[in-house]
Protein backbone atom coordinates (compact mmCIF):
# COMPACT_ATOMS: atom_id res chain seq x y z
CA UNK A 1 61.92 20.06 -70.03
CA UNK A 2 64.72 18.57 -72.05
CA UNK A 3 68.02 20.17 -71.33
CA UNK A 4 70.25 20.75 -74.30
CA UNK A 5 73.92 20.24 -73.62
CA UNK A 6 76.21 22.70 -75.26
CA UNK A 7 79.00 20.86 -76.96
CA UNK A 8 82.15 22.85 -77.46
CA UNK A 9 83.80 22.33 -80.85
CA UNK A 10 87.26 20.81 -80.82
CA UNK A 11 89.90 23.48 -80.36
CA UNK A 12 91.65 24.12 -83.66
CA UNK A 13 95.22 25.29 -83.79
CA UNK A 14 95.37 28.50 -85.75
CA UNK A 15 98.13 28.58 -88.32
CA UNK A 16 99.53 26.46 -91.11
CA UNK A 17 100.17 22.74 -90.71
CA UNK A 18 103.17 21.07 -92.35
CA UNK A 19 104.30 17.41 -92.38
CA UNK A 20 107.68 15.75 -93.00
CA UNK A 21 108.87 12.12 -92.93
CA UNK A 22 112.12 10.19 -92.61
CA UNK A 23 111.92 6.37 -92.39
CA UNK A 24 109.11 5.78 -89.86
CA UNK A 25 109.47 9.17 -88.14
CA UNK A 26 106.62 11.58 -88.86
CA UNK A 27 106.83 15.23 -87.80
CA UNK A 28 103.89 17.60 -87.94
CA UNK A 29 104.39 21.32 -87.35
CA UNK A 30 101.99 24.18 -86.72
CA UNK A 31 103.40 27.62 -87.51
CA UNK A 32 101.62 30.78 -86.37
CA UNK A 33 102.39 34.39 -85.59
CA UNK A 34 104.26 34.73 -82.33
CA UNK A 35 107.55 35.53 -80.65
CA UNK A 36 109.96 32.95 -82.09
CA UNK A 37 109.38 30.04 -79.70
CA UNK A 38 110.10 26.55 -81.07
CA UNK A 39 108.63 23.59 -79.19
CA UNK A 40 109.02 19.90 -79.96
CA UNK A 41 106.48 17.57 -78.30
CA UNK A 42 105.53 20.47 -75.95
CA UNK A 43 109.18 20.86 -74.85
CA UNK A 44 111.30 23.90 -75.70
CA UNK A 45 114.04 23.22 -78.28
CA UNK A 46 116.72 24.32 -75.79
CA UNK A 47 115.75 21.49 -73.45
CA UNK A 48 114.70 18.89 -76.06
CA UNK A 49 118.07 18.31 -77.72
CA UNK A 50 121.74 18.99 -77.17
CA UNK A 51 124.96 18.81 -79.13
CA UNK A 52 124.97 17.72 -82.74
CA UNK A 53 121.24 16.91 -82.81
CA UNK A 54 120.33 20.43 -81.66
CA UNK A 55 122.62 21.98 -84.28
CA UNK A 56 121.05 19.79 -86.97
CA UNK A 57 117.50 20.74 -85.98
CA UNK A 58 118.32 24.46 -85.82
CA UNK A 59 119.97 24.67 -89.29
CA UNK A 60 116.86 26.08 -91.03
CA UNK A 61 116.40 28.57 -88.17
CA UNK A 62 119.96 29.81 -88.60
CA UNK A 63 119.59 30.08 -92.38
CA UNK A 64 116.30 32.00 -92.12
CA UNK A 65 117.78 34.60 -89.74
CA UNK A 66 115.38 37.16 -88.25
CA UNK A 67 112.38 35.77 -90.15
CA UNK A 68 111.92 33.13 -87.44
CA UNK A 69 111.36 35.68 -84.67
CA UNK A 70 107.92 36.50 -86.10
CA UNK A 71 106.56 32.96 -85.76
CA UNK A 72 105.96 30.28 -83.12
CA UNK A 73 106.57 26.73 -84.34
CA UNK A 74 105.14 23.72 -82.51
CA UNK A 75 106.30 20.31 -83.76
CA UNK A 76 104.94 16.90 -82.81
CA UNK A 77 107.13 13.96 -83.81
CA UNK A 78 106.79 10.22 -83.32
CA UNK A 79 108.17 6.95 -84.67
CA UNK A 80 111.60 5.57 -85.58
CA UNK A 81 114.83 6.61 -83.81
CA UNK A 82 116.20 9.89 -82.52
CA UNK A 83 118.25 10.65 -85.67
CA UNK A 84 115.35 10.09 -88.06
CA UNK A 85 113.17 12.21 -85.81
CA UNK A 86 115.77 15.00 -85.86
CA UNK A 87 115.89 14.97 -89.68
CA UNK A 88 112.07 14.98 -89.87
CA UNK A 89 111.86 17.90 -87.40
CA UNK A 90 114.49 19.84 -89.36
CA UNK A 91 112.62 19.31 -92.62
CA UNK A 92 109.30 20.21 -91.02
CA UNK A 93 110.60 23.50 -89.62
CA UNK A 94 112.10 24.42 -93.01
CA UNK A 95 108.87 23.64 -94.87
CA UNK A 96 106.84 25.65 -92.35
CA UNK A 97 109.11 28.68 -92.73
CA UNK A 98 108.90 28.48 -96.54
CA UNK A 99 105.09 28.35 -96.39
CA UNK A 100 105.08 31.37 -94.09
CA UNK A 101 107.73 33.53 -95.78
CA UNK A 102 107.81 32.51 -99.46
CA UNK A 103 110.18 31.83 -102.34
CA UNK A 104 113.21 33.70 -101.04
CA UNK A 105 113.69 31.20 -98.19
CA UNK A 106 112.96 28.30 -100.55
CA UNK A 107 115.89 29.32 -102.76
CA UNK A 108 118.20 29.66 -99.74
CA UNK A 109 117.23 26.25 -98.34
CA UNK A 110 117.50 24.50 -101.70
CA UNK A 111 120.96 25.96 -102.34
CA UNK A 112 122.14 24.89 -98.85
CA UNK A 113 120.64 21.39 -98.66
CA UNK A 114 117.79 20.00 -100.76
CA UNK A 115 116.77 17.52 -98.04
CA UNK A 116 115.45 20.46 -96.00
CA UNK A 117 112.46 20.68 -98.34
CA UNK A 118 112.25 17.21 -99.93
CA UNK A 119 111.42 14.14 -97.84
CA UNK A 120 113.60 11.04 -98.07
CA UNK A 121 111.40 8.42 -99.76
CA UNK A 122 113.59 5.42 -98.91
CA UNK A 123 111.95 2.82 -96.69
CA UNK A 124 113.03 -0.51 -95.21
CA UNK A 125 112.76 -3.38 -97.69
CA UNK A 126 110.41 -6.16 -96.64
CA UNK A 127 111.69 -9.58 -95.55
CA UNK A 128 111.57 -12.37 -98.15
CA UNK A 129 110.92 -16.11 -97.62
CA UNK A 130 113.86 -18.47 -96.93
CA UNK A 131 115.96 -15.67 -95.50
CA UNK A 132 116.65 -13.92 -92.24
CA UNK A 133 116.33 -10.41 -93.67
CA UNK A 134 115.39 -8.79 -96.97
CA UNK A 135 118.45 -9.98 -98.93
CA UNK A 136 120.26 -12.33 -96.53
CA UNK A 137 119.71 -16.04 -97.20
CA UNK A 138 120.70 -19.22 -95.41
CA UNK A 139 124.19 -20.36 -96.29
CA UNK A 140 124.34 -23.34 -98.63
CA UNK A 141 126.76 -26.20 -98.07
CA UNK A 142 128.22 -27.98 -101.12
CA UNK A 143 129.22 -31.11 -99.18
């Protein structure tokens, strides 16, 4: 008389997953076969950003050309400020395209800008004792 409940497994996103970082911003992208739609945090790229930020994010798309039209890219980004997020998104899209298409795109991206494929490892230095920030100290008076 016991009823067994059917538990549905968690829905997995089909495709390849790629991650990129800049400061505290972390972007994770899923690339899969599709029609060339790029979404950031479930919002289309055309609506998500404008001006310089949009141009920055779309650099790898422009460099890849028609190769992008075969894939849908969905990026989730969080942390840090809007500029760091834009750089992380840009890097994530480039890495996803390289994983999907291969070495030819890797050579193009590396020749254009190495930061498309290599994350910036710099982080904020921690605060030290007797100071207001990492390096700034209280001013000493001689008299």
